[in-house]
Amino acid sequence: MSLNLFSEHPSAPPVGSRFDPSRLHVGAALRLGLTRGAIVETFIRVGFTAGIPAALLAIQTAKDVFASVASTEPGA
């Protein structure tokens, strides 16, 4: 008998989906007053440790969050 805990649990996400906590962190950083430039610079600096592909993914995620925040701001 094969036991796959993820597919048998009713609240499990679909296979292949991933929760991306970096979106929450970027949004929280903006709410705390960090500038967009400071957030991107942080990801660039982390790229030297975590790897450039991870940094590029984080920067793209940040740009997506910036765009969604800009579209929900009054007068946008």
PDB file of N, CA and C in Angstrom:
ATOM      1  N   MET A   1       0.840  -1.178   0.000  1.00  0.00           N
ATOM      2  CA  MET A   1       0.000   0.000   0.000  1.00  0.00           C
ATOM      3  C   MET A   1       0.883   1.239   0.000  1.00  0.00           C
ATOM      4  N   SER A   2       0.637   2.100  -0.950  1.00  0.00           N
ATOM      5  CA  SER A   2       1.393   3.345  -1.056  1.00  0.00           C
ATOM      6  C   SER A   2       0.646   4.460  -0.336  1.00  0.00           C
ATOM      7  N   LEU A   3       1.362   5.188   0.504  1.00  0.00           N
ATOM      8  CA  LEU A   3       0.743   6.275   1.256  1.00  0.00           C
ATOM      9  C   LEU A   3       1.294   7.605   0.764  1.00  0.00           C
ATOM     10  N   ASN A   4       0.460   8.389   0.151  1.00  0.00           N
ATOM     11  CA  ASN A   4       0.850   9.724  -0.301  1.00  0.00           C
ATOM     12  C   ASN A   4       0.062  10.718   0.541  1.00  0.00           C
ATOM     13  N   LEU A   5       0.709  11.284   1.530  1.00  0.00           N
ATOM     14  CA  LEU A   5       0.023  12.161   2.478  1.00  0.00           C
ATOM     15  C   LEU A   5      -0.556  13.401   1.827  1.00  0.00           C
ATOM     16  N   PHE A   6       0.134  13.926   0.820  1.00  0.00           N
ATOM     17  CA  PHE A   6      -0.323  15.171   0.227  1.00  0.00           C
ATOM     18  C   PHE A   6      -1.584  14.994  -0.616  1.00  0.00           C
ATOM     19  N   SER A   7      -1.674  13.905  -1.363  1.00  0.00           N
ATOM     20  CA  SER A   7      -2.846  13.735  -2.219  1.00  0.00           C
ATOM     21  C   SER A   7      -4.059  13.246  -1.438  1.00  0.00           C
ATOM     22  N   GLU A   8      -3.830  12.635  -0.268  1.00  0.00           N
ATOM     23  CA  GLU A   8      -4.949  12.111   0.500  1.00  0.00           C
ATOM     24  C   GLU A   8      -5.537  13.120   1.473  1.00  0.00           C
ATOM     25  N   HIS A   9      -4.834  14.200   1.721  1.00  0.00           N
ATOM     26  CA  HIS A   9      -5.343  15.196   2.658  1.00  0.00           C
ATOM     27  C   HIS A   9      -6.274  16.146   1.912  1.00  0.00           C
ATOM     28  N   PRO A  10      -7.486  16.381   2.428  1.00  0.00           N
ATOM     29  CA  PRO A  10      -8.460  17.199   1.693  1.00  0.00           C
ATOM     30  C   PRO A  10      -8.042  18.648   1.484  1.00  0.00           C
ATOM     31  N   SER A  11      -7.172  19.198   2.335  1.00  0.00           N
ATOM     32  CA  SER A  11      -6.785  20.597   2.162  1.00  0.00           C
ATOM     33  C   SER A  11      -5.443  20.746   1.456  1.00  0.00           C
ATOM     34  N   ALA A  12      -4.918  19.653   0.914  1.00  0.00           N
ATOM     35  CA  ALA A  12      -3.627  19.713   0.235  1.00  0.00           C
ATOM     36  C   ALA A  12      -3.752  20.498  -1.064  1.00  0.00           C
ATOM     37  N   PRO A  13      -2.726  21.298  -1.382  1.00  0.00           N
ATOM     38  CA  PRO A  13      -2.765  22.035  -2.655  1.00  0.00           C
ATOM     39  C   PRO A  13      -2.601  21.082  -3.827  1.00  0.00           C
ATOM     40  N   PRO A  14      -3.036  21.487  -5.014  1.00  0.00           N
ATOM     41  CA  PRO A  14      -2.870  20.631  -6.182  1.00  0.00           C
ATOM     42  C   PRO A  14      -1.389  20.351  -6.441  1.00  0.00           C
ATOM     43  N   VAL A  15      -1.114  19.224  -7.033  1.00  0.00           N
ATOM     44  CA  VAL A  15       0.263  18.864  -7.336  1.00  0.00           C
ATOM     45  C   VAL A  15       0.858  19.915  -8.258  1.00  0.00           C
ATOM     46  N   GLY A  16       2.080  20.329  -7.956  1.00  0.00           N
ATOM     47  CA  GLY A  16       2.755  21.313  -8.788  1.00  0.00           C
ATOM     48  C   GLY A  16       2.540  22.748  -8.334  1.00  0.00           C
ATOM     49  N   SER A  17       1.618  23.002  -7.432  1.00  0.00           N
ATOM     50  CA  SER A  17       1.421  24.367  -6.967  1.00  0.00           C
ATOM     51  C   SER A  17       2.325  24.612  -5.772  1.00  0.00           C
ATOM     52  N   ARG A  18       2.711  25.864  -5.599  1.00  0.00           N
ATOM     53  CA  ARG A  18       3.577  26.221  -4.482  1.00  0.00           C
ATOM     54  C   ARG A  18       3.113  27.535  -3.891  1.00  0.00           C
ATOM     55  N   PHE A  19       3.158  27.610  -2.595  1.00  0.00           N
ATOM     56  CA  PHE A  19       2.880  28.867  -1.908  1.00  0.00           C
ATOM     57  C   PHE A  19       4.163  29.674  -1.915  1.00  0.00           C
ATOM     58  N   ASP A  20       4.088  30.932  -2.315  1.00  0.00           N
ATOM     59  CA  ASP A  20       5.271  31.778  -2.408  1.00  0.00           C
ATOM     60  C   ASP A  20       5.230  32.835  -1.312  1.00  0.00           C
ATOM     61  N   PRO A  21       5.928  32.619  -0.197  1.00  0.00           N
ATOM     62  CA  PRO A  21       5.876  33.579   0.904  1.00  0.00           C
ATOM     63  C   PRO A  21       6.556  34.898   0.589  1.00  0.00           C
ATOM     64  N   SER A  22       7.385  34.943  -0.459  1.00  0.00           N
ATOM     65  CA  SER A  22       8.074  36.201  -0.763  1.00  0.00           C
ATOM     66  C   SER A  22       7.082  37.301  -1.128  1.00  0.00           C
ATOM     67  N   ARG A  23       5.925  36.952  -1.695  1.00  0.00           N
ATOM     68  CA  ARG A  23       4.904  37.972  -1.982  1.00  0.00           C
ATOM     69  C   ARG A  23       4.426  38.637  -0.689  1.00  0.00           C
ATOM     70  N   LEU A  24       4.220  37.831   0.348  1.00  0.00           N
ATOM     71  CA  LEU A  24       3.807  38.385   1.633  1.00  0.00           C
ATOM     72  C   LEU A  24       4.889  39.280   2.215  1.00  0.00           C
ATOM     73  N   HIS A  25       6.139  38.857   2.087  1.00  0.00           N
ATOM     74  CA  HIS A  25       7.245  39.620   2.654  1.00  0.00           C
ATOM     75  C   HIS A  25       7.436  40.951   1.926  1.00  0.00           C
ATOM     76  N   VAL A  26       7.307  40.945   0.616  1.00  0.00           N
ATOM     77  CA  VAL A  26       7.445  42.195  -0.149  1.00  0.00           C
ATOM     78  C   VAL A  26       6.318  43.150   0.223  1.00  0.00           C
ATOM     79  N   GLY A  27       5.093  42.649   0.307  1.00  0.00           N
ATOM     80  CA  GLY A  27       3.974  43.496   0.707  1.00  0.00           C
ATOM     81  C   GLY A  27       4.154  44.068   2.100  1.00  0.00           C
ATOM     82  N   ALA A  28       4.633  43.239   3.017  1.00  0.00           N
ATOM     83  CA  ALA A  28       4.866  43.707   4.388  1.00  0.00           C
ATOM     84  C   ALA A  28       5.971  44.762   4.413  1.00  0.00           C
ATOM     85  N   ALA A  29       7.016  44.558   3.626  1.00  0.00           N
ATOM     86  CA  ALA A  29       8.110  45.534   3.574  1.00  0.00           C
ATOM     87  C   ALA A  29       7.616  46.886   3.064  1.00  0.00           C
ATOM     88  N   LEU A  30       6.752  46.855   2.059  1.00  0.00           N
ATOM     89  CA  LEU A  30       6.187  48.114   1.543  1.00  0.00           C
ATOM     90  C   LEU A  30       5.335  48.805   2.611  1.00  0.00           C
ATOM     91  N   ARG A  31       4.520  48.024   3.312  1.00  0.00           N
ATOM     92  CA  ARG A  31       3.677  48.598   4.367  1.00  0.00           C
ATOM     93  C   ARG A  31       4.504  49.167   5.509  1.00  0.00           C
ATOM     94  N   LEU A  32       5.686  48.597   5.735  1.00  0.00           N
ATOM     95  CA  LEU A  32       6.555  49.091   6.803  1.00  0.00           C
ATOM     96  C   LEU A  32       7.376  50.302   6.378  1.00  0.00           C
ATOM     97  N   GLY A  33       7.276  50.683   5.108  1.00  0.00           N
ATOM     98  CA  GLY A  33       7.931  51.903   4.651  1.00  0.00           C
ATOM     99  C   GLY A  33       9.200  51.727   3.846  1.00  0.00           C
ATOM    100  N   LEU A  34       9.595  50.487   3.556  1.00  0.00           N
ATOM    101  CA  LEU A  34      10.772  50.304   2.715  1.00  0.00           C
ATOM    102  C   LEU A  34      10.465  50.772   1.302  1.00  0.00           C
ATOM    103  N   THR A  35      11.463  51.318   0.643  1.00  0.00           N
ATOM    104  CA  THR A  35      11.274  51.751  -0.734  1.00  0.00           C
ATOM    105  C   THR A  35      11.401  50.546  -1.658  1.00  0.00           C
ATOM    106  N   ARG A  36      10.887  50.703  -2.856  1.00  0.00           N
ATOM    107  CA  ARG A  36      10.991  49.618  -3.838  1.00  0.00           C
ATOM    108  C   ARG A  36      12.458  49.344  -4.163  1.00  0.00           C
ATOM    109  N   GLY A  37      13.236  50.405  -4.249  1.00  0.00           N
ATOM    110  CA  GLY A  37      14.663  50.245  -4.533  1.00  0.00           C
ATOM    111  C   GLY A  37      15.387  49.464  -3.452  1.00  0.00           C
ATOM    112  N   ALA A  38      15.041  49.719  -2.196  1.00  0.00           N
ATOM    113  CA  ALA A  38      15.680  48.999  -1.088  1.00  0.00           C
ATOM    114  C   ALA A  38      15.319  47.515  -1.117  1.00  0.00           C
ATOM    115  N   ILE A  39      14.089  47.219  -1.484  1.00  0.00           N
ATOM    116  CA  ILE A  39      13.658  45.819  -1.556  1.00  0.00           C
ATOM    117  C   ILE A  39      14.411  45.087  -2.667  1.00  0.00           C
ATOM    118  N   VAL A  40      14.498  45.696  -3.836  1.00  0.00           N
ATOM    119  CA  VAL A  40      15.204  45.068  -4.957  1.00  0.00           C
ATOM    120  C   VAL A  40      16.692  44.926  -4.625  1.00  0.00           C
ATOM    121  N   GLU A  41      17.278  45.955  -4.008  1.00  0.00           N
ATOM    122  CA  GLU A  41      18.687  45.884  -3.637  1.00  0.00           C
ATOM    123  C   GLU A  41      18.952  44.736  -2.661  1.00  0.00           C
ATOM    124  N   THR A  42      18.031  44.522  -1.750  1.00  0.00           N
ATOM    125  CA  THR A  42      18.169  43.410  -0.806  1.00  0.00           C
ATOM    126  C   THR A  42      18.207  42.079  -1.546  1.00  0.00           C
ATOM    127  N   PHE A  43      17.320  41.916  -2.524  1.00  0.00           N
ATOM    128  CA  PHE A  43      17.305  40.671  -3.286  1.00  0.00           C
ATOM    129  C   PHE A  43      18.586  40.500  -4.101  1.00  0.00           C
ATOM    130  N   ILE A  44      19.126  41.597  -4.621  1.00  0.00           N
ATOM    131  CA  ILE A  44      20.385  41.507  -5.373  1.00  0.00           C
ATOM    132  C   ILE A  44      21.505  41.051  -4.449  1.00  0.00           C
ATOM    133  N   ARG A  45      21.566  41.631  -3.250  1.00  0.00           N
ATOM    134  CA  ARG A  45      22.617  41.242  -2.299  1.00  0.00           C
ATOM    135  C   ARG A  45      22.460  39.788  -1.854  1.00  0.00           C
ATOM    136  N   VAL A  46      21.226  39.348  -1.654  1.00  0.00           N
ATOM    137  CA  VAL A  46      20.986  37.964  -1.253  1.00  0.00           C
ATOM    138  C   VAL A  46      21.361  37.012  -2.384  1.00  0.00           C
ATOM    139  N   GLY A  47      21.311  37.493  -3.606  1.00  0.00           N
ATOM    140  CA  GLY A  47      21.647  36.664  -4.754  1.00  0.00           C
ATOM    141  C   GLY A  47      23.054  36.107  -4.711  1.00  0.00           C
ATOM    142  N   PHE A  48      23.968  36.817  -4.058  1.00  0.00           N
ATOM    143  CA  PHE A  48      25.341  36.315  -3.967  1.00  0.00           C
ATOM    144  C   PHE A  48      25.423  35.080  -3.074  1.00  0.00           C
ATOM    145  N   THR A  49      24.501  34.975  -2.131  1.00  0.00           N
ATOM    146  CA  THR A  49      24.479  33.818  -1.245  1.00  0.00           C
ATOM    147  C   THR A  49      23.517  32.743  -1.736  1.00  0.00           C
ATOM    148  N   ALA A  50      22.298  33.163  -2.072  1.00  0.00           N
ATOM    149  CA  ALA A  50      21.260  32.204  -2.460  1.00  0.00           C
ATOM    150  C   ALA A  50      21.380  31.770  -3.912  1.00  0.00           C
ATOM    151  N   GLY A  51      22.094  32.541  -4.710  1.00  0.00           N
ATOM    152  CA  GLY A  51      22.239  32.236  -6.128  1.00  0.00           C
ATOM    153  C   GLY A  51      21.483  33.242  -6.980  1.00  0.00           C
ATOM    154  N   ILE A  52      22.041  33.536  -8.125  1.00  0.00           N
ATOM    155  CA  ILE A  52      21.451  34.534  -9.027  1.00  0.00           C
ATOM    156  C   ILE A  52      20.058  34.114  -9.501  1.00  0.00           C
ATOM    157  N   PRO A  53      19.812  32.850  -9.867  1.00  0.00           N
ATOM    158  CA  PRO A  53      18.451  32.482 -10.281  1.00  0.00           C
ATOM    159  C   PRO A  53      17.403  32.767  -9.200  1.00  0.00           C
ATOM    160  N   ALA A  54      17.748  32.495  -7.937  1.00  0.00           N
ATOM    161  CA  ALA A  54      16.816  32.779  -6.844  1.00  0.00           C
ATOM    162  C   ALA A  54      16.581  34.276  -6.714  1.00  0.00           C
ATOM    163  N   ALA A  55      17.637  35.066  -6.868  1.00  0.00           N
ATOM    164  CA  ALA A  55      17.504  36.522  -6.789  1.00  0.00           C
ATOM    165  C   ALA A  55      16.636  37.049  -7.929  1.00  0.00           C
ATOM    166  N   LEU A  56      16.836  36.534  -9.123  1.00  0.00           N
ATOM    167  CA  LEU A  56      16.031  36.981 -10.265  1.00  0.00           C
ATOM    168  C   LEU A  56      14.558  36.641 -10.074  1.00  0.00           C
ATOM    169  N   LEU A  57      14.286  35.466  -9.541  1.00  0.00           N
ATOM    170  CA  LEU A  57      12.909  35.084  -9.263  1.00  0.00           C
ATOM    171  C   LEU A  57      12.299  36.004  -8.202  1.00  0.00           C
ATOM    172  N   ALA A  58      13.069  36.315  -7.166  1.00  0.00           N
ATOM    173  CA  ALA A  58      12.587  37.205  -6.109  1.00  0.00           C
ATOM    174  C   ALA A  58      12.333  38.611  -6.642  1.00  0.00           C
ATOM    175  N   ILE A  59      13.203  39.094  -7.517  1.00  0.00           N
ATOM    176  CA  ILE A  59      13.017  40.429  -8.097  1.00  0.00           C
ATOM    177  C   ILE A  59      11.765  40.453  -8.976  1.00  0.00           C
ATOM    178  N   GLN A  60      11.548  39.404  -9.758  1.00  0.00           N
ATOM    179  CA  GLN A  60      10.337  39.344 -10.587  1.00  0.00           C
ATOM    180  C   GLN A  60       9.093  39.305  -9.709  1.00  0.00           C
ATOM    181  N   THR A  61       9.151  38.554  -8.620  1.00  0.00           N
ATOM    182  CA  THR A  61       8.030  38.514  -7.682  1.00  0.00           C
ATOM    183  C   THR A  61       7.778  39.896  -7.102  1.00  0.00           C
ATOM    184  N   ALA A  62       8.849  40.598  -6.729  1.00  0.00           N
ATOM    185  CA  ALA A  62       8.713  41.952  -6.191  1.00  0.00           C
ATOM    186  C   ALA A  62       8.079  42.876  -7.217  1.00  0.00           C
ATOM    187  N   LYS A  63       8.499  42.784  -8.472  1.00  0.00           N
ATOM    188  CA  LYS A  63       7.905  43.625  -9.523  1.00  0.00           C
ATOM    189  C   LYS A  63       6.418  43.338  -9.678  1.00  0.00           C
ATOM    190  N   ASP A  64       6.033  42.072  -9.579  1.00  0.00           N
ATOM    191  CA  ASP A  64       4.612  41.708  -9.653  1.00  0.00           C
ATOM    192  C   ASP A  64       3.836  42.325  -8.493  1.00  0.00           C
ATOM    193  N   VAL A  65       4.419  42.274  -7.301  1.00  0.00           N
ATOM    194  CA  VAL A  65       3.759  42.870  -6.134  1.00  0.00           C
ATOM    195  C   VAL A  65       3.680  44.380  -6.301  1.00  0.00           C
ATOM    196  N   PHE A  66       4.753  45.014  -6.775  1.00  0.00           N
ATOM    197  CA  PHE A  66       4.733  46.455  -6.993  1.00  0.00           C
ATOM    198  C   PHE A  66       3.619  46.841  -7.956  1.00  0.00           C
ATOM    199  N   ALA A  67       3.460  46.054  -9.012  1.00  0.00           N
ATOM    200  CA  ALA A  67       2.416  46.347 -10.003  1.00  0.00           C
ATOM    201  C   ALA A  67       1.029  46.174  -9.407  1.00  0.00           C
ATOM    202  N   SER A  68       0.842  45.143  -8.594  1.00  0.00           N
ATOM    203  CA  SER A  68      -0.484  44.935  -8.006  1.00  0.00           C
ATOM    204  C   SER A  68      -0.803  46.010  -6.969  1.00  0.00           C
ATOM    205  N   VAL A  69       0.212  46.475  -6.252  1.00  0.00           N
ATOM    206  CA  VAL A  69      -0.004  47.556  -5.285  1.00  0.00           C
ATOM    207  C   VAL A  69      -0.330  48.846  -6.024  1.00  0.00           C
ATOM    208  N   ALA A  70       0.379  49.111  -7.111  1.00  0.00           N
ATOM    209  CA  ALA A  70       0.141  50.338  -7.879  1.00  0.00           C
ATOM    210  C   ALA A  70      -1.260  50.347  -8.474  1.00  0.00           C
ATOM    211  N   SER A  71      -1.758  49.165  -8.874  1.00  0.00           N
ATOM    212  CA  SER A  71      -3.092  49.117  -9.485  1.00  0.00           C
ATOM    213  C   SER A  71      -4.210  49.273  -8.458  1.00  0.00           C
ATOM    214  N   THR A  72      -3.899  49.064  -7.187  1.00  0.00           N
ATOM    215  CA  THR A  72      -4.934  49.203  -6.155  1.00  0.00           C
ATOM    216  C   THR A  72      -4.857  50.523  -5.420  1.00  0.00           C
ATOM    217  N   GLU A  73      -3.826  51.337  -5.695  1.00  0.00           N
ATOM    218  CA  GLU A  73      -3.711  52.634  -5.058  1.00  0.00           C
ATOM    219  C   GLU A  73      -4.740  53.593  -5.627  1.00  0.00           C
ATOM    220  N   PRO A  74      -5.259  54.495  -4.799  1.00  0.00           N
ATOM    221  CA  PRO A  74      -6.227  55.483  -5.291  1.00  0.00           C
ATOM    222  C   PRO A  74      -5.587  56.357  -6.373  1.00  0.00           C
ATOM    223  N   GLY A  75      -6.334  56.598  -7.413  1.00  0.00           N
ATOM    224  CA  GLY A  75      -5.860  57.443  -8.504  1.00  0.00           C
ATOM    225  C   GLY A  75      -4.992  56.710  -9.510  1.00  0.00           C
ATOM    226  N   ALA A  76      -4.901  55.395  -9.380  1.00  0.00           N
ATOM    227  CA  ALA A  76      -4.059  54.624 -10.297  1.00  0.00           C
ATOM    228  C   ALA A  76      -4.809  54.331 -11.588  1.00  0.00           C
TER     229      ALA A  76
END
